[in-house]
Amino acid sequence: MSKQDILMENGTFNTNYAKVSEPRFVNDEFYDSRDLVQVKYEMLKAARESKESIQEISARFGFSRAGFYKIKNSFEKEGFTAFVSNKTGPRNTWKLTKEHQRFIDSYLLGNPDADSKEIVSILKKERGLEISKRTVERYRSRKNGQGRKSQ
C-alpha cells in the first residue's frame, strides 16, 4: 500500500495538495504536500516564526485566512488530534433503524440475490419506510465489510 493510499484511508490526504506552494514542500522530499497533518503543522509553525501576514502564509500552504484560524484554534484546543479530519454528518444510520436493519438481514436470508432496489420496495410495502436505494447499499456495504456495493 502506498503512502497516498494510507493517507486516503485514514482521512489525512490533502486533496488540495497542488495549491501548496511553500518552498520546503516543493524543494525537499521530506515534506509531502499530500500529507494534510504535516501541511497544517508546518503552516502553524511558519506563522509563529514569520513576520509575514497570515493571509500570505495560509495561501502558501493552500488554505484561506479563515481556514488558518480554524486550524489554529482547533490545534490550541485539541493538539495534534485536531489535524486528523473528522468526518462530518451523521455517525450512524438514522432512517434505517436497528429494526429495519434486522428486517433487511432477515429478508436477505430468504432472498440472497435481492438487489437494493427490491429491498427499498419491500421496505416501503411492508414497513411504510421510504428510503433511498443508496441508503440500503451503504448499509449492505458496511455489513459486508466491503467498499461500495452498487446494485
Protein backbone atom coordinates (compact mmCIF):
# COMPACT_ATOMS: atom_id res chain seq x y z
CA MET A 1 0.00 0.00 0.00
CA SER A 2 1.41 3.39 -0.96
CA LYS A 3 1.71 6.38 1.35
CA GLN A 4 -1.05 8.10 -0.62
CA ASP A 5 -3.35 5.10 -0.13
CA ILE A 6 -2.67 5.18 3.61
CA LEU A 7 -3.31 8.93 3.81
CA MET A 8 -6.57 8.49 1.93
CA GLU A 9 -7.63 5.60 4.11
CA ASN A 10 -7.02 7.43 7.38
CA GLY A 11 -8.53 10.73 6.23
CA THR A 12 -5.31 12.75 6.16
CA PHE A 13 -4.86 13.05 2.39
CA ASN A 14 -4.66 16.70 1.37
CA THR A 15 -6.98 16.97 -1.62
CA ASN A 16 -5.66 20.49 -2.23
CA TYR A 17 -2.01 19.45 -2.30
CA ALA A 18 -1.49 21.17 -5.66
CA LYS A 19 -2.22 24.54 -4.01
CA VAL A 20 0.73 24.18 -1.62
CA SER A 21 3.48 26.48 -2.89
CA GLU A 22 5.57 26.64 0.29
CA PRO A 23 9.18 26.18 -0.93
CA ARG A 24 10.08 23.41 1.51
CA PHE A 25 7.17 21.32 0.17
CA VAL A 26 8.33 21.94 -3.38
CA ASN A 27 12.10 21.51 -2.92
CA ASP A 28 12.53 18.95 -0.11
CA GLU A 29 11.22 15.39 -0.46
CA PHE A 30 10.87 15.10 3.35
CA TYR A 31 7.89 17.45 3.09
CA ASP A 32 4.85 15.94 1.42
CA SER A 33 2.08 18.32 0.37
CA ARG A 34 -0.30 15.35 0.18
CA ASP A 35 0.08 14.84 3.96
CA LEU A 36 -2.55 17.14 5.47
CA VAL A 37 -1.24 16.74 9.02
CA GLN A 38 2.26 17.81 8.00
CA VAL A 39 0.97 20.75 5.93
CA LYS A 40 -1.19 22.06 8.77
CA TYR A 41 1.57 21.71 11.35
CA GLU A 42 4.17 23.40 9.17
CA MET A 43 1.74 26.22 8.40
CA LEU A 44 1.18 26.92 12.11
CA LYS A 45 4.91 26.71 12.73
CA ALA A 46 5.64 29.13 9.88
CA ALA A 47 3.10 31.59 11.28
CA ARG A 48 4.86 31.58 14.66
CA GLU A 49 8.29 32.09 13.12
CA SER A 50 7.45 34.59 10.38
CA LYS A 51 6.60 38.26 10.28
CA GLU A 52 4.51 37.73 7.14
CA SER A 53 0.76 38.18 7.23
CA ILE A 54 -1.47 35.21 7.95
CA GLN A 55 -3.04 35.80 4.54
CA GLU A 56 0.33 35.24 2.80
CA ILE A 57 1.31 32.25 4.93
CA SER A 58 -2.02 30.46 4.66
CA ALA A 59 -2.09 30.98 0.88
CA ARG A 60 1.37 29.36 0.52
CA PHE A 61 0.08 26.31 2.38
CA GLY A 62 -3.11 26.10 0.33
CA PHE A 63 -5.54 27.50 2.92
CA SER A 64 -7.59 30.62 3.32
CA ARG A 65 -7.03 33.06 6.16
CA ALA A 66 -10.23 31.83 7.81
CA GLY A 67 -9.09 28.23 7.36
CA PHE A 68 -5.81 29.07 9.09
CA TYR A 69 -7.59 30.42 12.16
CA LYS A 70 -9.91 27.44 12.31
CA ILE A 71 -6.90 25.09 12.23
CA LYS A 72 -5.03 27.20 14.80
CA ASN A 73 -7.97 27.29 17.22
CA SER A 74 -8.57 23.56 16.86
CA PHE A 75 -4.89 22.84 17.47
CA GLU A 76 -4.87 25.01 20.60
CA LYS A 77 -7.86 23.06 21.98
CA GLU A 78 -7.08 19.52 20.81
CA GLY A 79 -3.39 19.35 19.95
CA PHE A 80 -2.27 17.14 17.07
CA THR A 81 -5.53 15.19 17.00
CA ALA A 82 -7.14 18.32 15.55
CA PHE A 83 -5.14 17.76 12.37
CA VAL A 84 -6.89 14.49 11.62
CA SER A 85 -10.11 15.24 9.77
CA ASN A 86 -13.27 14.10 11.43
CA LYS A 87 -15.94 13.07 9.02
CA THR A 88 -18.94 15.33 9.19
CA GLY A 89 -22.53 14.24 9.10
CA PRO A 90 -24.43 11.57 10.96
CA ARG A 91 -22.34 8.96 12.74
CA ASN A 92 -24.81 6.16 12.06
CA THR A 93 -27.98 5.49 10.15
CA TRP A 94 -30.94 7.43 11.45
CA LYS A 95 -33.62 6.42 8.97
CA LEU A 96 -32.53 2.82 8.87
CA THR A 97 -33.18 1.81 12.49
CA LYS A 98 -31.92 -1.40 14.07
CA GLU A 99 -35.39 -2.86 13.50
CA HIS A 100 -35.19 -2.03 9.78
CA GLN A 101 -31.69 -3.45 9.60
CA ARG A 102 -32.90 -6.72 11.15
CA PHE A 103 -35.74 -6.79 8.62
CA ILE A 104 -33.27 -6.37 5.75
CA ASP A 105 -30.99 -9.08 7.16
CA SER A 106 -33.92 -11.45 7.55
CA TYR A 107 -35.17 -10.69 4.04
CA LEU A 108 -31.73 -11.33 2.59
CA LEU A 109 -31.52 -14.72 4.31
CA GLY A 110 -34.54 -15.87 2.29
CA ASN A 111 -33.63 -13.83 -0.78
CA PRO A 112 -29.82 -13.70 -1.01
CA ASP A 113 -29.85 -12.39 -4.59
CA ALA A 114 -32.17 -9.45 -3.83
CA ASP A 115 -30.83 -6.14 -5.05
CA SER A 116 -31.10 -2.84 -3.20
CA LYS A 117 -34.00 -1.63 -5.36
CA GLU A 118 -36.02 -4.70 -4.37
CA ILE A 119 -35.24 -4.15 -0.69
CA VAL A 120 -36.34 -0.50 -0.90
CA SER A 121 -39.59 -1.63 -2.49
CA ILE A 122 -40.29 -4.29 0.15
CA LEU A 123 -39.47 -1.87 3.00
CA LYS A 124 -41.95 0.63 1.60
CA LYS A 125 -44.62 -2.02 1.04
CA GLU A 126 -44.30 -3.90 4.33
CA ARG A 127 -42.96 -1.25 6.71
CA GLY A 128 -44.07 2.03 5.16
CA LEU A 129 -40.45 3.17 5.15
CA GLU A 130 -39.29 5.38 2.31
CA ILE A 131 -35.52 5.36 1.95
CA SER A 132 -33.16 5.64 -0.97
CA LYS A 133 -31.54 2.75 -2.74
CA ARG A 134 -28.18 4.27 -1.77
CA THR A 135 -29.04 4.02 1.95
CA VAL A 136 -29.59 0.29 1.54
CA GLU A 137 -26.37 -0.03 -0.50
CA ARG A 138 -24.37 1.74 2.24
CA TYR A 139 -25.88 -0.49 4.91
CA ARG A 140 -25.12 -3.65 2.94
CA SER A 141 -21.61 -2.43 2.22
CA ARG A 142 -20.91 -1.73 5.92
CA LYS A 143 -22.49 -5.02 6.96
CA ASN A 144 -20.38 -6.99 4.49
CA GLY A 145 -17.23 -5.07 5.38
CA GLN A 146 -16.74 -4.13 1.76
CA GLY A 147 -16.42 -0.95 -0.22
CA ARG A 148 -19.20 0.48 -2.27
CA LYS A 149 -21.78 -2.03 -3.43
CA SER A 150 -23.93 -0.86 -6.30
CA GLN A 151 -26.91 -2.97 -7.11
